[in-house]
Amino acid sequence: MLARGNRITRGAEYKAVVRGGARCAGALTVTYVVASGEDRPARFGFIVSKQVGSAVTRNTVRRRLKAVCAQALPAVRPGSDVVIRALPASAAAPFPQLRDEVSRCLNRKAAA
């Protein structure tokens, strides 16, 4: 579980990351990363639309993404903002495949 300080909570912050961030696309997710110079922990946000599936499916995907980001948190540069948009294929993907894709994008764009 990500702590409150590691989450993006405002819509304007989501919009700023998606519009101005470096983009890494995969088959299951699209990851946006903005590296700010601020001295604070990395923050994560998740976008899981209704195209992914029912509410139960969307929540499962979101929990999986949170778990992946919690594991990857030590390797992410402090001050980074990361937004992960789940694509419909992520609903049927096994956890290791989802973890590998998100980790690959985080390592390319937000590694410390």
Protein backbone atom coordinates (compact mmCIF):
# COMPACT_ATOMS: atom_id res chain seq x y z
CA MET A 1 0.00 0.00 0.00
CA LEU A 2 1.26 3.44 -0.87
CA ALA A 3 1.37 6.00 1.92
CA ARG A 4 -0.55 9.25 1.58
CA GLY A 5 2.64 11.16 0.80
CA ASN A 6 3.30 8.85 -2.16
CA ARG A 7 -0.02 9.49 -3.91
CA ILE A 8 -1.15 12.14 -6.37
CA THR A 9 -4.53 13.33 -5.14
CA ARG A 10 -5.57 16.37 -7.18
CA GLY A 11 -6.94 16.40 -10.71
CA ALA A 12 -4.71 19.32 -11.71
CA GLU A 13 -1.65 17.29 -10.70
CA TYR A 14 -2.80 14.33 -12.80
CA LYS A 15 -3.35 16.65 -15.77
CA ALA A 16 0.09 18.26 -15.40
CA VAL A 17 1.84 14.87 -15.36
CA VAL A 18 -0.10 13.45 -18.30
CA ARG A 19 0.33 16.58 -20.43
CA GLY A 20 3.95 17.36 -19.59
CA GLY A 21 5.44 14.01 -18.68
CA ALA A 22 7.77 11.65 -20.49
CA ARG A 23 5.65 8.83 -21.90
CA CYS A 24 6.37 5.10 -21.96
CA ALA A 25 3.74 2.94 -23.64
CA GLY A 26 3.33 -0.80 -23.40
CA ALA A 27 0.67 -3.37 -24.23
CA LEU A 28 -0.95 -3.11 -20.79
CA THR A 29 -0.22 0.41 -19.52
CA VAL A 30 0.93 3.88 -20.45
CA THR A 31 3.27 5.47 -17.91
CA TYR A 32 3.87 9.22 -17.63
CA VAL A 33 6.76 10.58 -15.54
CA VAL A 34 7.63 14.14 -14.55
CA ALA A 35 10.81 14.69 -12.55
CA SER A 36 10.59 17.80 -10.41
CA GLY A 37 13.50 19.19 -8.45
CA GLU A 38 11.54 19.15 -5.19
CA ASP A 39 12.86 17.38 -2.12
CA ARG A 40 9.96 15.01 -1.43
CA PRO A 41 9.14 11.35 -1.96
CA ALA A 42 8.02 10.11 -5.38
CA ARG A 43 4.27 10.24 -5.94
CA PHE A 44 2.06 7.90 -7.98
CA GLY A 45 -1.37 8.20 -9.54
CA PHE A 46 -3.50 5.66 -11.39
CA ILE A 47 -6.08 6.04 -14.15
CA VAL A 48 -8.29 2.98 -14.69
CA SER A 49 -11.25 3.79 -16.94
CA LYS A 50 -14.50 1.89 -17.44
CA GLN A 51 -13.06 0.43 -20.65
CA VAL A 52 -10.92 -1.84 -18.46
CA GLY A 53 -13.98 -3.61 -17.06
CA SER A 54 -16.45 -3.69 -14.22
CA ALA A 55 -15.84 -1.95 -10.90
CA VAL A 56 -14.44 -5.15 -9.39
CA THR A 57 -12.01 -5.57 -12.30
CA ARG A 58 -10.93 -1.93 -12.22
CA ASN A 59 -10.25 -2.07 -8.48
CA THR A 60 -8.25 -5.28 -8.89
CA VAL A 61 -6.11 -3.67 -11.60
CA ARG A 62 -5.62 -0.55 -9.46
CA ARG A 63 -4.57 -2.63 -6.42
CA ARG A 64 -2.10 -4.56 -8.57
CA LEU A 65 -0.61 -1.33 -9.91
CA LYS A 66 -0.30 0.05 -6.37
CA ALA A 67 1.52 -3.11 -5.28
CA VAL A 68 3.94 -2.86 -8.21
CA CYS A 69 4.66 0.81 -7.44
CA ALA A 70 5.15 0.10 -3.73
CA GLN A 71 7.80 -2.48 -4.66
CA ALA A 72 9.48 -0.11 -7.13
CA LEU A 73 9.39 2.95 -4.84
CA PRO A 74 13.04 2.71 -3.62
CA ALA A 75 14.30 2.74 -7.22
CA VAL A 76 12.28 5.80 -8.30
CA ARG A 77 13.99 9.20 -8.18
CA PRO A 78 12.75 11.37 -5.27
CA GLY A 79 10.55 14.24 -6.41
CA SER A 80 9.14 12.32 -9.39
CA ASP A 81 5.45 12.26 -10.23
CA VAL A 82 4.26 9.11 -12.01
CA VAL A 83 0.81 8.49 -13.52
CA ILE A 84 -0.01 5.04 -14.85
CA ARG A 85 -2.96 4.64 -17.22
CA ALA A 86 -4.25 1.07 -17.40
CA LEU A 87 -5.29 -0.16 -20.84
CA PRO A 88 -8.13 -2.71 -21.31
CA ALA A 89 -5.65 -5.58 -21.81
CA SER A 90 -4.40 -5.10 -18.23
CA ALA A 91 -7.60 -6.68 -16.85
CA ALA A 92 -6.68 -10.14 -18.16
CA ALA A 93 -2.91 -9.90 -17.68
CA PRO A 94 -1.20 -11.94 -14.96
CA PHE A 95 0.48 -9.99 -12.17
CA PRO A 96 4.10 -10.84 -13.19
CA GLN A 97 3.50 -9.51 -16.71
CA LEU A 98 1.97 -6.29 -15.35
CA ARG A 99 4.86 -5.91 -12.88
CA ASP A 100 7.49 -6.42 -15.58
CA GLU A 101 5.95 -3.83 -17.91
CA VAL A 102 5.53 -1.14 -15.26
CA SER A 103 9.01 -1.82 -13.85
CA ARG A 104 10.53 -1.54 -17.33
CA CYS A 105 8.91 1.86 -17.88
CA LEU A 106 9.85 3.12 -14.41
CA ASN A 107 13.46 2.02 -14.92
CA ARG A 108 13.62 3.83 -18.28
CA LYS A 109 12.00 7.09 -17.18
CA ALA A 110 12.22 7.48 -13.39
CA ALA A 111 15.24 5.54 -12.20
CA ALA A 112 17.26 7.16 -9.43
